[in-house]
Amino acid sequence: RCSRCRGGCAAGHAGYGVTSVCPGTALPERIHCVGIGGGGMGPLARLLASQGHRVTGSDQSELADVKRFEECGIRVQCCHSVDNVADAELLIRSAAVPEENPEVGAALASTVPVLKYSEALGRLMQNRQGVAVAGTHGKTTVTALLAHLLRGVGLDPGWIVGGDPLTLPDAAGWGHGKPFIVEACEFDRSFLNLHYDIAVVTNVGCDHMDYFGDREGVHEAFCQFAQGVAPGGVLVLGRGVRDTMDWPTPPGGRILEVGKDLSVDIGSSQSGAAEGVVHTSGGDKSAYQLSLLGAHSVDNLAVALLVATVVGAPLRELTREVSNFNGVARRLQDLGEQSLSQFDKSGSYRLIDDFAHHPDALEAAESALRARFPGRRLVAVFQPHQVSRTEEAFDGFCSILGRFDEVLLCDIFVARDAHPERADSVLHRLDERVGPQSQCVGPAWNAAQAVGSVLMDGDICLVMGAGDIDGLAGNLARAD
């Protein structure tokens, strides 16, 4: 291992055979990304290519957006093979890719250093003012919104979002100003590999219990994340987060809170958009209008605005940019009214696509749609994500799914599960507990006709899940 680098050299130091280093990123020129189809890895690969790196990538499944990578000069292989890393000077792997992967194994057996995705992000943040956005819910939207706001006021930030922002040119951008904003995932304690001057926690709930074990494990990880703020830095907490646990104050720094240092009034316009006034503890105030659905979106807005003011952006300029933000794909994304003619029926229904896969997120979605579309029948198409998560939060899923008028349960998406054989029995128990309005409909990729069979004129159809249900709503919309 390189004596100058913790955990292996990624900066072209002696002994690693690196021929050149890109000056902007200080990483070797030739980089191979394993698991390039991941929500974070794909954007990272495109960002690296934009900065002059010769990037290749691989994934175990065929990617729908290969052309997008090819346009950036990235060669992608839809298989894992030791041949794919023959020319690499650095390998970056997704957290979902184990060390037993043949490409990772080949790199580890040679002089090619291996970094996890989050470790690579940490290297990119070292020479920038880093902002790490963490939280059980909302971090993708807050990261994208913060980048949008700071771009709008001319600060030219860098960013990387684990989703598809609808108002940014890509899910990642280098920027040449300050800061560099990164979505920080708590799973595998990945966010502890980052380097940041500002840490953001939108909220703290019990998720990834297959990894953390219990609530105390979650709290311990977030406490470590807060302790990682650079000296003199800032910890920004979302509404009510201060009360969830004891938070350490950054050395020489401070803690700022939504609801104390910045608050947002919530009203509603005739168009259904949220509107009101933002207030800061310093006496500044400014009106805003936000088109996103749900009270939780206003909470996300408050977090983003508070961070943006910490960076130094003027509040009035920031609020002018809020109305131009269209959100992130599959975060309560409104795909509009769809004709029922595709199912040989008359009338139309409203189609909403959401990433929700935790009871809290399902509840936020249901509440938002009830408020926005009062009196309309609400049909949920839900794919549980992981057997372990479904079992751990079983009562919560039963409770919130029971609030929908119709529930279609797709097969559980199995990922990192110790007991995948339980999937069918857990799903059928869930179906029974939800009640007579629920039915199991098989694989998510084949659920379109089942959805059509229950839809009626005027319905709101909410597609939810984090697995391979991600294309269902798009297929329904395209079939119109």
Protein backbone atom coordinates (compact mmCIF):
# COMPACT_ATOMS: atom_id res chain seq x y z
CA ARG A 1 0.00 0.00 0.00
CA CYS A 2 1.10 3.55 -0.65
CA SER A 3 2.54 5.10 2.51
CA ARG A 4 0.85 8.42 1.73
CA CYS A 5 -2.70 7.13 1.25
CA ARG A 6 -5.05 5.50 3.74
CA GLY A 7 -6.37 2.22 2.35
CA GLY A 8 -4.47 2.31 -0.94
CA CYS A 9 -3.19 4.88 -3.36
CA ALA A 10 -5.56 6.64 -5.74
CA ALA A 11 -3.42 9.67 -6.48
CA GLY A 12 -0.72 8.24 -8.69
CA HIS A 13 1.97 7.91 -6.05
CA ALA A 14 5.09 5.82 -6.53
CA GLY A 15 4.77 2.07 -6.82
CA TYR A 16 1.38 1.89 -8.50
CA GLY A 17 2.37 2.20 -12.14
CA VAL A 18 0.13 5.24 -12.74
CA THR A 19 1.22 7.05 -15.88
CA SER A 20 -0.84 10.24 -15.47
CA VAL A 21 -3.17 12.02 -13.10
CA CYS A 22 -5.97 14.42 -14.02
CA PRO A 23 -5.18 17.72 -12.29
CA GLY A 24 -8.78 18.66 -11.45
CA THR A 25 -9.62 15.48 -9.57
CA ALA A 26 -6.08 14.34 -8.62
CA LEU A 27 -7.13 10.79 -9.57
CA PRO A 28 -5.43 8.48 -12.11
CA GLU A 29 -6.43 9.01 -15.71
CA ARG A 30 -7.73 5.50 -16.48
CA ILE A 31 -10.62 4.50 -14.18
CA HIS A 32 -12.90 1.47 -14.29
CA CYS A 33 -16.29 1.61 -12.51
CA VAL A 34 -17.87 -1.66 -11.37
CA GLY A 35 -21.63 -1.43 -10.96
CA ILE A 36 -21.83 1.55 -13.28
CA GLY A 37 -25.60 1.20 -13.56
CA GLY A 38 -26.08 2.29 -9.94
CA GLY A 39 -27.81 5.55 -9.11
CA GLY A 40 -24.59 7.10 -7.84
CA MET A 41 -21.95 5.25 -9.88
CA GLY A 42 -23.35 6.26 -13.26
CA PRO A 43 -23.30 10.00 -12.51
CA LEU A 44 -19.83 9.67 -10.95
CA ALA A 45 -18.52 7.95 -14.08
CA ARG A 46 -19.91 10.71 -16.32
CA LEU A 47 -18.45 13.39 -14.04
CA LEU A 48 -15.01 11.77 -14.20
CA ALA A 49 -15.23 11.55 -17.99
CA SER A 50 -16.10 15.24 -18.15
CA GLN A 51 -12.88 16.00 -16.28
CA GLY A 52 -10.65 14.20 -18.76
CA HIS A 53 -10.58 10.67 -17.35
CA ARG A 54 -10.63 7.65 -19.64
CA VAL A 55 -13.52 5.80 -18.01
CA THR A 56 -14.80 2.27 -18.58
CA GLY A 57 -17.56 0.51 -16.69
CA SER A 58 -19.36 -2.77 -16.19
CA ASP A 59 -22.61 -4.01 -14.71
CA GLN A 60 -24.12 -7.44 -14.24
CA SER A 61 -27.33 -6.44 -16.04
CA GLU A 62 -27.98 -4.78 -19.38
CA LEU A 63 -28.33 -1.03 -19.01
CA ALA A 64 -31.12 0.97 -20.59
CA ASP A 65 -28.98 4.11 -20.90
CA VAL A 66 -25.80 2.73 -22.52
CA LYS A 67 -26.05 5.44 -25.18
CA ARG A 68 -25.83 8.09 -22.49
CA PHE A 69 -22.49 6.67 -21.38
CA GLU A 70 -21.23 6.27 -24.93
CA GLU A 71 -21.96 9.94 -25.62
CA CYS A 72 -19.56 10.74 -22.78
CA GLY A 73 -16.89 8.45 -24.22
CA ILE A 74 -17.47 5.72 -21.63
CA ARG A 75 -17.24 2.12 -22.82
CA VAL A 76 -19.64 -0.12 -20.87
CA GLN A 77 -19.64 -3.92 -20.65
CA CYS A 78 -22.84 -5.67 -19.52
CA CYS A 79 -20.89 -8.42 -17.78
CA HIS A 80 -18.13 -8.76 -15.21
CA SER A 81 -14.81 -10.07 -16.50
CA VAL A 82 -11.18 -9.76 -15.47
CA ASP A 83 -10.49 -8.52 -19.01
CA ASN A 84 -12.47 -5.35 -18.27
CA VAL A 85 -9.83 -4.07 -15.82
CA ALA A 86 -6.73 -4.82 -17.92
CA ASP A 87 -6.08 -1.14 -18.68
CA ALA A 88 -7.30 0.41 -15.41
CA GLU A 89 -5.14 2.46 -13.04
CA LEU A 90 -7.95 2.73 -10.47
CA LEU A 91 -11.08 0.65 -9.86
CA ILE A 92 -14.15 2.14 -8.17
CA ARG A 93 -16.85 -0.24 -7.01
CA SER A 94 -20.41 0.28 -5.91
CA ALA A 95 -21.22 -0.60 -2.29
CA ALA A 96 -23.41 -3.36 -3.70
CA VAL A 97 -20.41 -5.00 -5.42
CA PRO A 98 -18.60 -7.48 -3.13
CA GLU A 99 -14.87 -8.12 -3.00
CA GLU A 100 -15.59 -11.54 -4.50
CA ASN A 101 -16.50 -9.85 -7.79
CA PRO A 102 -14.01 -11.08 -10.46
CA GLU A 103 -13.03 -7.57 -11.53
CA VAL A 104 -12.47 -6.44 -7.94
CA GLY A 105 -10.53 -9.62 -7.26
CA ALA A 106 -8.33 -9.08 -10.30
CA ALA A 107 -7.55 -5.53 -9.21
CA LEU A 108 -6.80 -6.56 -5.62
CA ALA A 109 -4.46 -9.26 -6.89
CA SER A 110 -2.51 -6.71 -8.92
CA THR A 111 -1.24 -3.20 -8.30
CA VAL A 112 -4.54 -1.53 -9.22
CA PRO A 113 -6.02 0.26 -6.17
CA VAL A 114 -9.68 -0.28 -5.33
CA LEU A 115 -11.97 2.34 -3.83
CA LYS A 116 -15.59 2.09 -2.82
CA TYR A 117 -17.91 4.65 -4.43
CA SER A 118 -18.06 6.73 -1.25
CA GLU A 119 -14.27 6.65 -0.85
CA ALA A 120 -13.90 8.02 -4.37
CA LEU A 121 -16.34 10.81 -3.54
CA GLY A 122 -14.32 11.58 -0.45
CA ARG A 123 -11.21 12.05 -2.59
CA LEU A 124 -13.08 14.44 -4.89
CA MET A 125 -14.28 16.50 -1.92
CA GLN A 126 -10.86 16.93 -0.29
CA ASN A 127 -9.94 20.17 -2.03
CA ARG A 128 -13.45 21.66 -2.21
CA GLN A 129 -15.83 23.12 0.34
CA GLY A 130 -17.75 19.90 0.91
CA VAL A 131 -21.46 19.61 1.71
CA ALA A 132 -22.67 16.11 2.62
CA VAL A 133 -26.45 15.68 2.62
CA ALA A 134 -27.60 12.72 4.73
CA GLY A 135 -30.88 11.50 6.18
CA THR A 136 -33.27 8.58 6.06
CA HIS A 137 -35.56 10.46 3.67
CA GLY A 138 -35.24 13.51 1.44
CA LYS A 139 -31.49 13.57 0.82
CA THR A 140 -31.78 13.10 -2.95
CA THR A 141 -34.26 15.97 -3.34
CA VAL A 142 -32.34 18.26 -0.97
CA THR A 143 -29.05 17.62 -2.81
CA ALA A 144 -30.63 18.33 -6.20
CA LEU A 145 -32.51 21.38 -4.93
CA LEU A 146 -29.41 22.84 -3.27
CA ALA A 147 -27.40 22.43 -6.47
CA HIS A 148 -30.22 24.04 -8.46
CA LEU A 149 -30.47 27.01 -6.09
CA LEU A 150 -26.73 27.68 -5.96
CA ARG A 151 -26.41 27.38 -9.74
CA GLY A 152 -29.27 29.84 -10.06
CA VAL A 153 -27.54 32.48 -7.96
CA GLY A 154 -24.24 32.06 -9.82
CA LEU A 155 -22.10 30.12 -7.32
CA ASP A 156 -21.27 27.35 -9.85
CA PRO A 157 -21.24 24.42 -7.38
CA GLY A 158 -20.26 20.85 -8.02
CA TRP A 159 -22.78 18.13 -7.18
CA ILE A 160 -23.56 14.45 -7.33
CA VAL A 161 -27.10 13.16 -6.81
CA GLY A 162 -28.22 9.55 -6.48
CA GLY A 163 -31.21 10.12 -8.74
CA ASP A 164 -32.27 11.87 -11.92
CA PRO A 165 -32.82 15.61 -11.24
CA LEU A 166 -35.33 17.13 -13.63
CA THR A 167 -33.88 20.66 -13.52
CA LEU A 168 -30.13 19.95 -13.61
CA PRO A 169 -28.17 19.05 -16.77
CA ASP A 170 -27.12 15.72 -15.21
CA ALA A 171 -27.08 13.95 -11.87
CA ALA A 172 -23.47 15.09 -11.45
CA GLY A 173 -21.51 18.19 -12.38
CA TRP A 174 -18.03 19.35 -11.50
CA GLY A 175 -18.55 23.09 -11.24
CA HIS A 176 -15.72 25.50 -10.57
CA GLY A 177 -17.06 27.42 -7.62
CA LYS A 178 -18.16 26.45 -4.16
CA PRO A 179 -19.33 24.14 -2.73
CA PHE A 180 -19.21 20.49 -3.85
CA ILE A 181 -22.52 18.93 -2.79
CA VAL A 182 -22.81 15.17 -2.34
CA GLU A 183 -25.71 12.92 -1.42
CA ALA A 184 -24.44 10.96 1.58
CA CYS A 185 -25.85 7.47 2.15
CA GLU A 186 -25.83 5.94 5.63
CA PHE A 187 -25.90 2.30 4.47
CA ASP A 188 -22.59 0.55 5.13
CA ARG A 189 -21.67 3.78 6.95
CA SER A 190 -20.66 5.05 3.52
CA PHE A 191 -21.05 8.68 4.54
CA LEU A 192 -18.12 8.34 6.94
CA ASN A 193 -15.77 8.15 3.93
CA LEU A 194 -16.62 11.68 2.80
CA HIS A 195 -14.84 14.96 3.56
CA TYR A 196 -17.16 17.85 4.39
CA ASP A 197 -17.29 21.27 5.96
CA ILE A 198 -21.08 21.21 6.17
CA ALA A 199 -22.99 18.11 7.25
CA VAL A 200 -26.73 17.98 6.65
CA VAL A 201 -29.20 15.60 8.32
CA THR A 202 -32.72 15.87 6.91
CA ASN A 203 -34.18 13.35 9.37
CA VAL A 204 -33.26 10.14 11.20
CA GLY A 205 -35.43 7.03 11.06
CA CYS A 206 -34.99 3.28 11.30
CA ASP A 207 -33.95 1.94 7.92
CA HIS A 208 -31.31 -0.51 6.67
CA MET A 209 -31.88 -2.52 9.82
CA ASP A 210 -30.35 -5.55 8.10
CA TYR A 211 -27.09 -3.62 8.44
CA PHE A 212 -27.52 -1.49 11.59
CA GLY A 213 -29.39 -4.03 13.70
CA ASP A 214 -31.33 -1.58 15.87
CA ARG A 215 -32.13 2.10 16.44
CA GLU A 216 -28.99 2.56 18.52
CA GLY A 217 -26.88 1.40 15.58
CA VAL A 218 -28.51 3.98 13.34
CA HIS A 219 -27.99 6.76 15.88
CA GLU A 220 -24.38 5.79 16.43
CA ALA A 221 -23.67 6.05 12.70
CA PHE A 222 -25.30 9.47 12.39
CA CYS A 223 -23.38 10.66 15.46
CA GLN A 224 -20.14 9.58 13.79
CA PHE A 225 -21.23 11.41 10.65
CA ALA A 226 -21.80 14.60 12.64
CA GLN A 227 -18.41 14.20 14.31
CA GLY A 228 -16.80 14.11 10.86
CA VAL A 229 -17.49 17.79 10.16
CA ALA A 230 -14.25 19.69 9.57
CA PRO A 231 -13.15 22.02 12.39
CA GLY A 232 -15.03 25.31 12.20
CA GLY A 233 -17.75 23.66 10.10
CA VAL A 234 -21.52 23.52 10.41
CA LEU A 235 -24.03 20.78 11.18
CA VAL A 236 -27.46 21.55 9.67
CA LEU A 237 -30.44 19.67 11.08
CA GLY A 238 -33.88 19.34 9.55
CA ARG A 239 -37.11 20.12 11.38
CA GLY A 240 -37.33 18.17 14.63
CA VAL A 241 -34.06 16.32 14.09
CA ARG A 242 -32.39 17.91 17.14
CA ASP A 243 -34.77 15.96 19.37
CA THR A 244 -34.03 12.52 17.92
CA MET A 245 -30.64 12.09 19.63
CA ASP A 246 -27.67 13.93 21.14
CA TRP A 247 -25.76 15.77 18.42
CA PRO A 248 -22.09 16.77 18.81
CA THR A 249 -21.18 20.35 17.95
CA PRO A 250 -18.37 20.52 15.37
CA PRO A 251 -15.09 21.71 16.99
CA GLY A 252 -15.02 25.48 16.62
CA GLY A 253 -18.24 25.24 14.64
CA ARG A 254 -21.99 25.39 15.20
CA ILE A 255 -25.30 23.60 14.80
CA LEU A 256 -28.12 25.21 12.82
CA GLU A 257 -31.71 23.97 12.79
CA VAL A 258 -34.76 24.29 10.58
CA GLY A 259 -37.49 25.80 12.72
CA LYS A 260 -35.01 27.83 14.76
CA ASP A 261 -32.49 29.40 12.39
CA LEU A 262 -34.78 29.29 9.36
CA SER A 263 -38.49 28.52 9.07
CA VAL A 264 -40.93 28.26 6.19
CA ASP A 265 -44.63 29.13 6.28
CA ILE A 266 -46.82 26.71 4.32
CA GLY A 267 -49.79 27.81 2.27
CA SER A 268 -51.32 26.70 -1.02
CA SER A 269 -52.00 28.52 -4.26
CA GLN A 270 -54.89 27.89 -6.65
CA SER A 271 -52.54 25.82 -8.81
CA GLY A 272 -51.82 23.51 -5.88
CA ALA A 273 -48.25 24.76 -5.43
CA ALA A 274 -46.98 25.38 -1.91
CA GLU A 275 -46.31 29.04 -1.22
CA GLY A 276 -45.54 31.24 1.74
CA VAL A 277 -42.72 33.15 3.37
CA VAL A 278 -39.25 32.06 4.50
CA HIS A 279 -37.97 33.62 7.75
CA THR A 280 -34.45 33.55 9.17
CA SER A 281 -33.40 34.15 12.76
CA GLY A 282 -31.49 37.18 11.52
CA GLY A 283 -34.70 38.89 10.42
CA ASP A 284 -34.56 38.21 6.68
CA LYS A 285 -37.74 37.07 4.98
CA SER A 286 -38.76 36.34 1.43
CA ALA A 287 -41.72 34.78 -0.39
CA TYR A 288 -41.43 31.47 -2.24
CA GLN A 289 -43.49 29.15 -4.44
CA LEU A 290 -42.75 25.41 -4.71
CA SER A 291 -44.46 23.11 -7.21
CA LEU A 292 -43.55 19.83 -5.48
CA LEU A 293 -46.23 17.79 -3.73
CA GLY A 294 -46.44 17.32 0.03
CA ALA A 295 -45.58 19.02 3.30
CA HIS A 296 -42.37 16.95 3.40
CA SER A 297 -41.23 18.79 0.25
CA VAL A 298 -41.49 22.08 2.12
CA ASP A 299 -39.34 20.57 4.87
CA ASN A 300 -36.78 19.63 2.22
CA LEU A 301 -36.93 23.18 0.85
CA ALA A 302 -36.24 24.63 4.30
CA VAL A 303 -33.14 22.45 4.70
CA ALA A 304 -31.80 23.41 1.27
CA LEU A 305 -32.38 27.13 1.88
CA LEU A 306 -30.68 27.01 5.28
CA VAL A 307 -27.60 25.31 3.81
CA ALA A 308 -27.53 27.76 0.89
CA THR A 309 -27.52 30.73 3.28
CA VAL A 310 -24.66 29.13 5.23
CA VAL A 311 -22.68 28.98 1.98
CA GLY A 312 -23.33 32.69 1.57
CA ALA A 313 -26.17 32.95 -0.96
CA PRO A 314 -28.68 35.82 -0.44
CA LEU A 315 -32.12 34.60 0.65
CA ARG A 316 -34.11 36.74 -1.80
CA GLU A 317 -32.10 35.50 -4.75
CA LEU A 318 -32.53 31.91 -3.58
CA THR A 319 -36.30 32.07 -3.22
CA ARG A 320 -36.62 33.42 -6.76
CA GLU A 321 -35.09 30.16 -7.99
CA VAL A 322 -37.42 27.87 -6.01
CA SER A 323 -40.34 28.04 -8.44
CA ASN A 324 -38.08 26.79 -11.28
CA PHE A 325 -37.26 23.52 -9.51
CA ASN A 326 -39.12 20.52 -10.92
CA GLY A 327 -37.86 17.88 -8.52
CA VAL A 328 -36.25 14.51 -9.12
CA ALA A 329 -37.56 11.64 -11.21
CA ARG A 330 -39.51 9.09 -9.17
CA ARG A 331 -39.85 11.39 -6.17
CA LEU A 332 -43.62 11.92 -6.30
CA GLN A 333 -43.15 12.68 -9.97
CA ASP A 334 -46.45 13.72 -11.53
CA LEU A 335 -46.68 12.16 -15.00
CA GLY A 336 -50.05 13.77 -15.65
CA GLU A 337 -53.42 12.53 -16.79
CA GLN A 338 -53.34 9.27 -18.77
CA SER A 339 -56.06 7.84 -20.99
CA LEU A 340 -57.71 4.58 -19.95
CA SER A 341 -58.15 3.71 -23.61
CA GLN A 342 -54.97 1.61 -23.41
CA PHE A 343 -57.03 -0.73 -21.20
CA ASP A 344 -60.14 -0.53 -23.41
CA LYS A 345 -61.85 1.74 -20.89
CA SER A 346 -63.17 5.26 -21.14
CA GLY A 347 -61.94 8.18 -19.07
CA SER A 348 -58.54 8.96 -17.59
CA TYR A 349 -56.40 8.58 -14.49
CA ARG A 350 -53.54 10.56 -12.93
CA LEU A 351 -50.17 8.77 -12.80
CA ILE A 352 -47.61 9.43 -10.05
CA ASP A 353 -44.22 7.72 -9.80
CA ASP A 354 -42.37 7.47 -6.48
CA PHE A 355 -39.25 5.84 -5.03
CA ALA A 356 -40.98 5.23 -1.67
CA HIS A 357 -39.99 1.93 -0.06
CA HIS A 358 -40.21 2.70 3.67
CA PRO A 359 -43.47 3.16 5.65
CA ASP A 360 -42.62 6.80 6.42
CA ALA A 361 -42.18 7.55 2.72
CA LEU A 362 -45.41 5.73 1.81
CA GLU A 363 -47.23 7.77 4.43
CA ALA A 364 -45.79 11.04 3.12
CA ALA A 365 -46.87 10.14 -0.41
CA GLU A 366 -50.39 9.16 0.61
CA SER A 367 -50.86 12.34 2.65
CA ALA A 368 -49.55 14.53 -0.15
CA LEU A 369 -51.88 13.04 -2.75
CA ARG A 370 -54.94 13.12 -0.50
CA ALA A 371 -54.30 16.83 0.06
CA ARG A 372 -53.62 17.61 -3.60
CA PHE A 373 -56.43 15.48 -5.10
CA PRO A 374 -59.23 15.39 -2.52
CA GLY A 375 -62.09 13.04 -3.23
CA ARG A 376 -60.31 10.99 -5.90
CA ARG A 377 -59.77 7.25 -5.46
CA LEU A 378 -56.14 6.43 -4.65
CA VAL A 379 -54.66 3.23 -6.12
CA ALA A 380 -51.28 2.07 -4.81
CA VAL A 381 -49.00 -0.17 -6.87
CA PHE A 382 -46.24 -1.15 -4.48
CA GLN A 383 -43.15 -3.32 -4.76
CA PRO A 384 -41.64 -4.02 -1.31
CA HIS A 385 -37.85 -3.71 -1.30
CA GLN A 386 -36.03 -6.51 0.56
CA VAL A 387 -37.56 -9.32 2.57
CA SER A 388 -35.74 -8.08 5.67
CA ARG A 389 -37.10 -4.53 5.42
CA THR A 390 -40.63 -5.82 4.81
CA GLU A 391 -40.44 -8.04 7.90
CA GLU A 392 -38.79 -5.39 10.08
CA ALA A 393 -41.39 -2.71 9.24
CA PHE A 394 -44.30 -5.10 8.65
CA ASP A 395 -46.83 -3.37 10.92
CA GLY A 396 -45.95 0.02 9.46
CA PHE A 397 -46.46 -1.20 5.90
CA CYS A 398 -49.80 -2.79 6.83
CA SER A 399 -51.00 0.39 8.51
CA ILE A 400 -50.20 2.81 5.70
CA LEU A 401 -51.19 0.51 2.82
CA GLY A 402 -54.55 0.08 4.52
CA ARG A 403 -55.27 3.76 3.87
CA PHE A 404 -55.32 3.33 0.09
CA ASP A 405 -58.54 2.55 -1.77
CA GLU A 406 -56.90 -0.19 -3.83
CA VAL A 407 -53.53 -1.90 -3.34
CA LEU A 408 -51.61 -3.96 -5.88
CA LEU A 409 -48.62 -5.74 -4.35
CA CYS A 410 -45.80 -6.72 -6.71
CA ASP A 411 -43.34 -9.46 -5.82
CA ILE A 412 -40.74 -8.40 -3.24
CA PHE A 413 -37.52 -7.13 -4.77
CA VAL A 414 -34.86 -9.33 -3.19
CA ALA A 415 -31.54 -7.59 -2.48
CA ARG A 416 -28.87 -8.45 0.09
CA ASP A 417 -31.40 -10.73 1.82
CA ALA A 418 -30.24 -13.54 4.08
CA HIS A 419 -33.54 -15.38 3.60
CA PRO A 420 -34.85 -14.77 0.08
CA GLU A 421 -36.95 -17.95 0.36
CA ARG A 422 -39.30 -16.08 2.71
CA ALA A 423 -40.33 -13.57 0.05
CA ASP A 424 -43.56 -15.24 -1.08
CA SER A 425 -44.86 -15.99 2.40
CA VAL A 426 -44.06 -12.49 3.67
CA LEU A 427 -45.80 -10.91 0.69
CA HIS A 428 -48.95 -13.00 1.15
CA ARG A 429 -49.06 -12.20 4.87
CA LEU A 430 -48.82 -8.54 3.95
CA ASP A 431 -51.63 -8.94 1.43
CA GLU A 432 -53.87 -10.60 4.02
CA ARG A 433 -53.21 -7.97 6.67
CA VAL A 434 -53.84 -5.00 4.37
CA GLY A 435 -57.36 -6.22 3.69
CA PRO A 436 -59.85 -6.98 0.92
CA GLN A 437 -58.73 -4.00 -1.19
CA SER A 438 -55.31 -5.66 -1.65
CA GLN A 439 -54.13 -8.24 -4.18
CA CYS A 440 -50.81 -9.76 -5.26
CA VAL A 441 -50.03 -9.19 -8.95
CA GLY A 442 -46.71 -10.93 -9.55
CA PRO A 443 -43.51 -9.39 -10.97
CA ALA A 444 -43.36 -5.62 -11.25
CA TRP A 445 -42.18 -5.77 -14.86
CA ASN A 446 -45.39 -7.58 -15.82
CA ALA A 447 -47.89 -5.63 -13.71
CA ALA A 448 -49.28 -3.19 -16.30
CA GLN A 449 -52.37 -5.23 -17.20
CA ALA A 450 -53.14 -5.90 -13.54
CA VAL A 451 -52.95 -2.16 -12.92
CA GLY A 452 -55.28 -1.48 -15.82
CA SER A 453 -57.81 -4.02 -14.58
CA VAL A 454 -58.51 -2.06 -11.39
CA LEU A 455 -58.20 1.53 -12.63
CA MET A 456 -61.34 3.64 -13.01
CA ASP A 457 -62.03 7.06 -14.45
CA GLY A 458 -60.71 9.75 -12.11
CA ASP A 459 -58.32 7.52 -10.15
CA ILE A 460 -54.91 8.54 -8.88
CA CYS A 461 -52.43 5.71 -9.56
CA LEU A 462 -49.34 5.85 -7.35
CA VAL A 463 -46.47 3.53 -8.37
CA MET A 464 -44.01 2.99 -5.50
CA GLY A 465 -40.82 1.04 -4.90
CA ALA A 466 -37.03 1.04 -5.18
CA GLY A 467 -36.52 -2.15 -7.17
CA ASP A 468 -37.25 -3.08 -10.79
CA ILE A 469 -40.63 -1.35 -10.59
CA ASP A 470 -38.74 1.77 -11.63
CA GLY A 471 -39.84 1.44 -15.27
CA LEU A 472 -43.51 0.56 -14.73
CA ALA A 473 -44.90 4.09 -14.57
CA GLY A 474 -42.92 5.12 -17.63
CA ASN A 475 -44.27 2.14 -19.55
CA LEU A 476 -47.82 3.01 -18.53
CA ALA A 477 -47.34 6.60 -19.67
CA ARG A 478 -45.74 5.62 -22.98
CA ALA A 479 -48.55 3.17 -23.73
CA ASP A 480 -51.05 6.02 -23.85
